[in-house]
Amino acid sequence: MKKDVEELVLLGKNAIVEMALELIDTDVSAENFSKIKVITNGETVQVLFLNPIKYLPLNSASYFDFNVDVLKKIVSYHPSSNGNFSEEKNILPFYQSKETDINIDFVLNAINVSNEIGAINILNFEDEMFIREKDNYYEITLISEFQESTYKITKETGKVFDLEHATLLPPPSWENEDVQEYIEVN
């Protein structure tokens, strides 16, 4: 482990998270994210600010996840969108509200009572879900390691329809590469 990485890791997760938040050029806090991971490969330290469930109201765009390389002072992010929105508008990070919580809970309950889809345990959820609000339904995209599922849920009844699955190929293996694995910092 490089000396500067080792010194940074010794500060602990909370201090590293605070340093990463200062690098993000917007008004966000740790409360904006469902999960925060600090990882290192011995060469660098990265902070992953994650919202695995992404709710997008009609005609909106938000930033949900940020990846911050603390040593290189690099912040990576990209917006997710739903429908028409003006690119001149300032795209903001996702801020959970009572309304978004209600809509997310409705969708998760509809999924968990459905016979077409497996139940989702939010506490152990490691996949990525996009919930895009439409006029009469929610459009869902669920991406796991080896599968992408899309379906719709009616707003009125919670009925699931237009269910489709696609198998995703595993990432290529790089046998000749000297790849260093990341470990989580606590």
Protein backbone atom coordinates (compact mmCIF):
# COMPACT_ATOMS: atom_id res chain seq x y z
CA MET A 1 0.00 0.00 0.00
CA LYS A 2 1.34 3.42 -0.95
CA LYS A 3 2.26 5.67 1.97
CA ASP A 4 -0.29 8.42 1.16
CA VAL A 5 -3.02 5.77 0.80
CA GLU A 6 -2.07 4.19 4.11
CA GLU A 7 -2.15 7.57 5.87
CA LEU A 8 -5.55 8.34 4.40
CA VAL A 9 -6.98 4.92 5.36
CA LEU A 10 -5.79 5.43 8.95
CA LEU A 11 -8.07 8.47 9.19
CA GLY A 12 -11.08 6.13 9.00
CA LYS A 13 -14.19 5.93 6.88
CA ASN A 14 -16.04 8.94 8.35
CA ALA A 15 -13.13 11.34 7.80
CA ILE A 16 -12.59 10.08 4.24
CA VAL A 17 -16.32 10.47 3.47
CA GLU A 18 -16.21 14.08 4.71
CA MET A 19 -13.18 14.80 2.51
CA ALA A 20 -15.01 13.34 -0.50
CA LEU A 21 -18.15 15.39 0.20
CA GLU A 22 -16.04 18.56 0.16
CA LEU A 23 -14.80 17.64 -3.33
CA ILE A 24 -18.31 17.32 -4.75
CA ASP A 25 -19.15 20.69 -6.26
CA THR A 26 -22.72 20.88 -4.99
CA ASP A 27 -24.74 20.97 -1.80
CA VAL A 28 -24.95 17.29 -0.84
CA SER A 29 -24.57 15.45 2.43
CA ALA A 30 -24.25 11.83 3.46
CA GLU A 31 -28.02 11.78 4.10
CA ASN A 32 -28.62 12.03 0.32
CA PHE A 33 -27.35 8.47 -0.19
CA SER A 34 -28.62 5.03 0.79
CA LYS A 35 -25.13 3.51 0.80
CA ILE A 36 -21.64 4.92 1.13
CA LYS A 37 -18.59 2.73 0.55
CA VAL A 38 -14.92 3.65 0.94
CA ILE A 39 -12.63 1.36 -1.03
CA THR A 40 -8.92 1.12 -1.78
CA ASN A 41 -6.68 -0.97 -3.99
CA GLY A 42 -3.49 0.26 -2.30
CA GLU A 43 -2.91 2.83 -5.06
CA THR A 44 -5.86 5.12 -4.46
CA VAL A 45 -8.89 5.64 -2.20
CA GLN A 46 -12.37 6.00 -3.65
CA VAL A 47 -15.68 6.87 -2.04
CA LEU A 48 -18.83 5.53 -3.67
CA PHE A 49 -21.99 7.48 -2.84
CA LEU A 50 -24.88 5.27 -3.98
CA ASN A 51 -28.64 5.25 -4.33
CA PRO A 52 -29.47 1.77 -5.65
CA ILE A 53 -33.15 2.73 -6.10
CA LYS A 54 -33.50 5.75 -8.33
CA TYR A 55 -36.92 7.45 -8.51
CA LEU A 56 -37.50 9.90 -11.35
CA PRO A 57 -40.71 11.98 -11.49
CA LEU A 58 -42.11 12.99 -14.89
CA ASN A 59 -39.82 15.22 -16.98
CA SER A 60 -36.92 15.21 -14.55
CA ALA A 61 -33.23 14.45 -14.32
CA SER A 62 -31.06 13.93 -11.25
CA TYR A 63 -27.65 12.79 -10.15
CA PHE A 64 -28.03 9.73 -7.93
CA ASP A 65 -24.52 8.33 -7.51
CA PHE A 66 -21.08 9.90 -7.16
CA ASN A 67 -17.66 8.25 -7.32
CA VAL A 68 -14.90 10.32 -5.72
CA ASP A 69 -11.19 9.52 -5.99
CA VAL A 70 -10.00 11.34 -2.88
CA LEU A 71 -6.26 11.33 -3.70
CA LYS A 72 -6.64 12.40 -7.34
CA LYS A 73 -9.46 14.80 -6.41
CA ILE A 74 -11.66 13.47 -9.23
CA VAL A 75 -15.47 13.38 -8.95
CA SER A 76 -17.40 11.21 -11.42
CA TYR A 77 -21.16 11.25 -11.92
CA HIS A 78 -23.79 11.31 -14.65
CA PRO A 79 -27.49 12.16 -14.66
CA SER A 80 -30.40 9.80 -15.10
CA SER A 81 -33.48 11.23 -16.79
CA ASN A 82 -37.16 10.63 -17.36
CA GLY A 83 -38.88 12.19 -20.34
CA ASN A 84 -38.38 15.68 -21.68
CA PHE A 85 -36.36 18.07 -19.60
CA SER A 86 -34.52 21.18 -20.57
CA GLU A 87 -30.75 20.71 -20.71
CA GLU A 88 -30.43 24.38 -19.74
CA LYS A 89 -31.97 23.52 -16.38
CA ASN A 90 -29.55 22.92 -13.57
CA ILE A 91 -29.55 19.17 -12.87
CA LEU A 92 -29.40 18.58 -9.13
CA PRO A 93 -28.53 15.59 -6.98
CA PHE A 94 -31.45 13.43 -5.90
CA TYR A 95 -33.07 14.53 -2.67
CA GLN A 96 -35.47 12.03 -1.16
CA SER A 97 -38.78 13.46 0.00
CA LYS A 98 -41.98 12.16 1.57
CA GLU A 99 -43.56 11.96 -1.89
CA THR A 100 -40.67 9.97 -3.38
CA ASP A 101 -40.70 7.64 -0.34
CA ILE A 102 -44.44 6.99 -0.83
CA ASN A 103 -43.99 6.23 -4.55
CA ILE A 104 -40.96 4.00 -3.98
CA ASP A 105 -42.82 2.10 -1.22
CA PHE A 106 -45.84 1.64 -3.53
CA VAL A 107 -43.61 0.16 -6.27
CA LEU A 108 -41.71 -2.11 -3.86
CA ASN A 109 -44.97 -3.36 -2.31
CA ALA A 110 -46.39 -4.06 -5.79
CA ILE A 111 -43.24 -6.02 -6.67
CA ASN A 112 -43.26 -7.99 -3.42
CA VAL A 113 -46.91 -9.11 -3.77
CA SER A 114 -46.56 -9.91 -7.47
CA ASN A 115 -46.32 -13.51 -8.65
CA GLU A 116 -44.39 -12.45 -11.78
CA ILE A 117 -41.38 -10.94 -10.00
CA GLY A 118 -39.27 -12.14 -7.09
CA ALA A 119 -39.50 -10.23 -3.82
CA ILE A 120 -37.02 -7.47 -3.05
CA ASN A 121 -35.46 -7.14 0.38
CA ILE A 122 -34.45 -3.49 0.52
CA LEU A 123 -31.95 -4.09 3.34
CA ASN A 124 -29.88 -6.48 1.20
CA PHE A 125 -30.51 -4.82 -2.16
CA GLU A 126 -27.27 -4.76 -4.18
CA ASP A 127 -28.73 -4.25 -7.65
CA GLU A 128 -29.78 -1.04 -9.38
CA MET A 129 -33.42 -0.05 -9.95
CA PHE A 130 -34.78 2.89 -11.94
CA ILE A 131 -38.39 3.90 -11.28
CA ARG A 132 -39.60 6.34 -13.93
CA GLU A 133 -42.99 7.88 -13.28
CA LYS A 134 -45.40 8.01 -16.22
CA ASP A 135 -48.96 9.38 -16.37
CA ASN A 136 -50.73 6.13 -15.39
CA TYR A 137 -47.93 3.76 -14.44
CA TYR A 138 -44.34 3.41 -13.25
CA GLU A 139 -41.72 2.12 -15.67
CA ILE A 140 -39.20 -0.09 -13.88
CA THR A 141 -35.71 -1.12 -14.99
CA LEU A 142 -33.93 -3.53 -12.66
CA ILE A 143 -30.29 -4.31 -13.38
CA SER A 144 -28.48 -7.10 -11.56
CA GLU A 145 -25.12 -8.68 -12.25
CA PHE A 146 -26.38 -11.02 -14.99
CA GLN A 147 -29.90 -9.86 -15.82
CA GLU A 148 -31.81 -6.75 -16.83
CA SER A 149 -35.56 -6.73 -16.28
CA THR A 150 -38.07 -4.14 -17.44
CA TYR A 151 -41.72 -3.92 -16.55
CA LYS A 152 -44.51 -1.52 -15.71
CA ILE A 153 -46.71 -1.15 -12.64
CA THR A 154 -50.07 0.61 -12.80
CA LYS A 155 -50.44 3.51 -10.40
CA GLU A 156 -54.03 2.66 -9.58
CA THR A 157 -53.87 -1.09 -8.84
CA GLY A 158 -50.17 -1.96 -8.56
CA LYS A 159 -50.58 -4.61 -11.28
CA VAL A 160 -47.36 -5.63 -13.04
CA PHE A 161 -47.42 -5.79 -16.86
CA ASP A 162 -45.10 -5.82 -19.91
CA LEU A 163 -42.49 -7.90 -18.07
CA GLU A 164 -39.28 -8.64 -20.02
CA HIS A 165 -35.90 -10.11 -19.04
CA ALA A 166 -32.55 -9.98 -20.80
CA THR A 167 -29.48 -11.97 -19.83
CA LEU A 168 -26.36 -9.86 -19.47
CA LEU A 169 -22.94 -11.19 -20.39
CA PRO A 170 -20.33 -11.28 -17.66
CA PRO A 171 -17.53 -8.74 -17.95
CA PRO A 172 -14.47 -9.95 -19.86
CA SER A 173 -11.69 -11.49 -17.83
CA TRP A 174 -8.27 -9.97 -18.23
CA GLU A 175 -5.95 -12.87 -17.56
CA ASN A 176 -2.78 -11.01 -18.51
CA GLU A 177 -3.60 -7.85 -16.58
CA ASP A 178 -2.16 -7.20 -13.14
CA VAL A 179 -5.45 -6.08 -11.59
CA GLN A 180 -5.46 -5.03 -7.96
CA GLU A 181 -8.66 -5.80 -6.10
CA TYR A 182 -10.42 -3.14 -4.06
CA ILE A 183 -11.10 -3.73 -0.38
CA GLU A 184 -13.61 -1.85 1.72
CA VAL A 185 -12.36 0.60 4.37
CA ASN A 186 -14.34 0.71 7.60
